[in-house]
Protein backbone atom coordinates (compact mmCIF):
# COMPACT_ATOMS: atom_id res chain seq x y z
CA MET A 1 0.00 0.00 0.00
CA LEU A 2 1.17 3.48 -0.85
CA THR A 3 -0.38 6.63 0.63
CA ALA A 4 0.34 10.11 -0.74
CA HIS A 5 -1.01 13.49 0.33
CA SER A 6 -1.10 16.70 -1.69
CA GLU A 7 0.79 19.70 -0.38
CA GLY A 8 -0.90 23.06 -0.61
CA SER A 9 -4.31 24.59 0.02
CA GLY A 10 -6.25 21.31 0.26
CA ASP A 11 -8.08 21.80 -3.02
CA GLY A 12 -6.27 18.86 -4.58
CA ASP A 13 -4.00 18.58 -7.56
CA TRP A 14 -3.99 16.56 -10.74
CA ARG A 15 -1.87 13.48 -10.18
CA ILE A 16 -0.41 11.18 -12.84
CA ILE A 17 0.04 7.72 -11.35
CA ASP A 18 2.31 5.26 -13.16
CA LEU A 19 1.96 1.61 -12.07
CA TRP A 20 4.22 -1.28 -13.14
CA SER A 21 6.13 -4.32 -11.94
CA ASP A 22 9.87 -4.78 -12.31
CA GLU A 23 9.30 -8.26 -13.75
CA ALA A 24 6.64 -7.04 -16.23
CA THR A 25 4.23 -9.32 -14.35
CA PRO A 26 0.49 -8.55 -14.28
CA TRP A 27 -1.17 -7.31 -11.12
CA GLU A 28 -4.40 -5.64 -10.07
CA ALA A 29 -4.51 -2.22 -8.43
CA ARG A 30 -7.15 -0.63 -6.25
CA LEU A 31 -6.88 3.17 -6.15
CA VAL A 32 -8.64 5.10 -3.41
CA TRP A 33 -8.57 8.90 -3.50
CA SER A 34 -10.35 12.04 -2.39
CA GLY A 35 -10.01 15.51 -3.78
CA GLY A 36 -10.80 18.97 -2.50
CA GLY A 37 -12.80 17.76 0.49
CA GLY A 38 -15.06 15.68 -1.73
CA ALA A 39 -16.18 12.11 -1.30
CA GLN A 40 -13.73 9.24 -1.44
CA ARG A 41 -13.54 7.47 -4.79
CA THR A 42 -12.32 3.99 -5.73
CA ALA A 43 -11.18 2.44 -8.99
CA TYR A 44 -9.99 -1.08 -9.79
CA LEU A 45 -7.69 -1.58 -12.75
CA ASP A 46 -5.44 -4.14 -14.35
CA VAL A 47 -1.73 -3.48 -14.58
CA PRO A 48 -0.77 -5.87 -17.40
CA LYS A 49 2.88 -4.74 -17.44
CA CYS A 50 2.51 -1.03 -16.84
CA THR A 51 -0.28 1.50 -16.95
CA ARG A 52 -1.00 5.14 -16.21
CA VAL A 53 -3.98 6.79 -14.58
CA CYS A 54 -4.73 10.42 -13.77
CA VAL A 55 -6.94 11.65 -10.91
CA HIS A 56 -7.58 14.93 -9.11
CA ALA A 57 -6.66 14.19 -5.51
CA THR A 58 -5.59 15.53 -2.16
CA MET A 59 -5.14 12.00 -0.80
CA LEU A 60 -4.31 8.85 -2.76
CA GLN A 61 -3.85 5.22 -1.69
CA VAL A 62 -2.78 2.36 -3.95
CA PHE A 63 -3.31 -1.29 -3.01
CA GLY A 64 -2.01 -4.18 -5.11
CA SER A 65 -2.89 -7.81 -5.72
CA ASN A 66 -0.70 -10.31 -7.60
CA LEU A 67 -2.38 -11.85 -10.69
CA SER A 68 0.51 -14.21 -11.54
CA THR A 69 1.51 -17.56 -10.09
CA SER A 70 4.84 -16.07 -8.98
CA ALA A 71 5.29 -16.03 -5.23
CA ASN A 72 6.31 -12.36 -5.13
CA ILE A 73 6.46 -9.48 -7.56
CA GLN A 74 7.86 -5.99 -7.20
CA ALA A 75 4.83 -3.77 -7.84
CA ARG A 76 5.83 -0.14 -8.28
CA VAL A 77 3.99 3.19 -8.23
CA ALA A 78 5.25 6.65 -9.15
CA ILE A 79 3.18 9.79 -8.62
CA ALA A 80 3.79 13.09 -10.37
CA ASP A 81 1.94 16.37 -10.64
CA GLY A 82 0.24 16.80 -14.00
CA GLN A 83 -2.85 15.98 -16.02
CA CYS A 84 -3.42 13.69 -19.00
CA ASP A 85 -6.25 11.62 -20.44
CA THR A 86 -5.97 7.93 -19.65
CA GLU A 87 -7.94 4.80 -20.44
CA ASN A 88 -7.48 1.55 -18.55
CA GLN A 89 -9.19 -1.77 -18.05
CA TRP A 90 -10.33 -4.04 -15.24
CA THR A 91 -10.97 -7.73 -15.78
CA VAL A 92 -13.19 -10.28 -14.04
CA ARG A 93 -11.89 -13.79 -14.73
CA GLY A 94 -13.69 -17.10 -14.37
CA SER A 95 -14.13 -20.67 -15.48
CA SER A 96 -17.41 -22.19 -16.63
CA ALA A 97 -16.61 -25.33 -14.61
CA GLN A 98 -16.24 -23.32 -11.38
CA VAL A 99 -19.15 -20.94 -11.84
CA ILE A 100 -21.89 -22.95 -13.55
CA GLY A 101 -20.53 -26.49 -13.42
CA GLY A 102 -19.99 -26.58 -17.18
CA ALA A 103 -23.73 -26.99 -17.80
CA GLY A 104 -24.41 -23.52 -19.21
CA GLY A 105 -26.09 -20.63 -17.44
CA ASN A 106 -25.74 -17.00 -16.45
CA VAL A 107 -22.99 -15.13 -14.66
CA ASP A 108 -23.83 -11.62 -13.44
CA VAL A 109 -21.10 -9.00 -13.02
CA ILE A 110 -21.54 -5.50 -11.59
CA PRO A 111 -19.74 -2.88 -13.72
CA PRO A 112 -17.01 -1.08 -11.78
CA PRO A 113 -16.97 2.70 -11.38
CA TRP A 114 -15.62 4.56 -14.42
CA ALA A 115 -16.50 1.73 -16.86
CA LYS A 116 -17.70 2.82 -20.32
CA PHE A 117 -17.51 -0.42 -22.33
CA VAL A 118 -17.58 -4.15 -21.63
CA ARG A 119 -16.27 -7.06 -23.67
CA LEU A 120 -16.72 -10.79 -23.01
CA GLU A 121 -13.95 -13.12 -24.19
CA LEU A 122 -13.83 -16.93 -24.16
CA SER A 123 -10.86 -19.29 -24.29
CA ASP A 124 -12.81 -21.41 -26.81
CA SER A 125 -13.69 -19.09 -29.70
CA THR A 126 -15.91 -21.76 -31.33
CA LEU A 127 -18.49 -20.91 -28.63
CA ASN A 128 -18.64 -17.17 -29.45
CA ALA A 129 -21.83 -17.37 -31.57
CA SER A 130 -23.74 -19.14 -28.75
CA THR A 131 -22.51 -16.85 -25.95
CA PHE A 132 -24.13 -13.51 -25.13
CA VAL A 133 -23.47 -10.28 -23.25
CA GLU A 134 -26.71 -8.87 -21.84
CA LEU A 135 -27.10 -5.45 -20.22
CA LEU A 136 -29.65 -5.17 -17.41
CA ASP A 137 -30.92 -1.93 -15.94
CA VAL A 138 -31.42 -1.25 -12.23
CA ASN A 139 -34.81 -3.04 -12.38
CA ALA A 140 -33.20 -6.19 -13.89
CA THR A 141 -34.85 -5.48 -17.25
CA SER A 142 -32.77 -6.52 -20.24
CA ARG A 143 -31.91 -3.45 -22.35
CA ALA A 144 -29.42 -4.94 -24.83
CA ARG A 145 -28.09 -8.36 -25.85
CA TYR A 146 -25.08 -9.06 -28.07
CA ALA A 147 -23.63 -12.34 -29.28
CA VAL A 148 -19.94 -12.40 -28.37
CA ASP A 149 -18.97 -12.68 -32.03
CA LYS A 150 -21.06 -9.55 -32.80
CA GLN A 151 -19.67 -7.26 -30.08
CA PRO A 152 -18.68 -3.87 -31.48
CA ALA A 153 -15.13 -2.60 -31.04
CA PRO A 154 -13.93 -1.66 -28.43
CA GLY A 155 -16.84 -3.38 -26.63
CA VAL A 156 -20.50 -2.97 -25.76
CA PRO A 157 -21.31 0.55 -24.48
CA LEU A 158 -22.57 0.25 -20.90
CA GLY A 159 -24.76 3.35 -20.73
CA ASP A 160 -26.85 3.03 -17.56
CA ALA A 161 -26.42 -0.75 -17.19
CA ALA A 162 -26.48 -1.85 -13.54
CA THR A 163 -25.53 -5.46 -14.31
CA VAL A 164 -23.69 -7.26 -17.09
CA ARG A 165 -25.11 -10.75 -17.59
CA CYS A 166 -22.89 -13.28 -19.35
CA VAL A 167 -25.06 -15.98 -20.92
CA LEU A 168 -22.67 -18.92 -21.20
CA PRO A 169 -23.16 -22.17 -23.14
CA GLY A 170 -22.41 -25.63 -21.81
CA GLY A 171 -18.82 -26.82 -21.84
CA THR A 172 -15.64 -26.22 -19.94
CA PHE A 173 -13.76 -23.05 -20.81
CA ALA A 174 -12.20 -19.96 -19.26
CA TYR A 175 -13.76 -16.56 -19.76
CA ARG A 176 -13.04 -12.99 -18.88
CA VAL A 177 -15.21 -9.89 -18.70
CA VAL A 178 -13.12 -6.86 -19.65
CA PHE A 179 -14.31 -3.40 -18.65
CA LEU A 180 -12.73 -0.40 -20.38
CA LEU A 181 -12.43 2.49 -17.94
CA HIS A 182 -12.19 6.19 -18.53
CA LEU A 183 -10.57 7.99 -15.60
């Protein structure tokens, strides 16, 4: 965990946060920040090898979680004053055998804060035409449904979706739900 505080009047400053590992090993970061006396905010993001994010903050904390099978990695964070546009991603990983017993069914995922697009990917691409991404509103009403092989690039726009439902076919395969974030 890293904690940094802004010097100055307490109104916050733009912070560029670079995250990486010395071994170029993937890890997951949880950023917690507050700015200018406002509410605390949280973002989850993948750090595939390195990534950059920019937030307006008076206080910033970074927590890390190892995504590799390595016992230890050297996760690094550097913080600098400045502002730039950044786009990142956060991934939910799973296995059809673990989640639905390989028999087919639904997996619901709550979109993280700052998510704009979602993309479902399968380890067995022959199942793409029979697998769907469904967007549900806050009342659990389906508002959109895309076959995985028909997802637009860079993914399905989330809009006001409260839940992303992955409609998975039978079989044993790995999947991941990738959210594209705009921070």
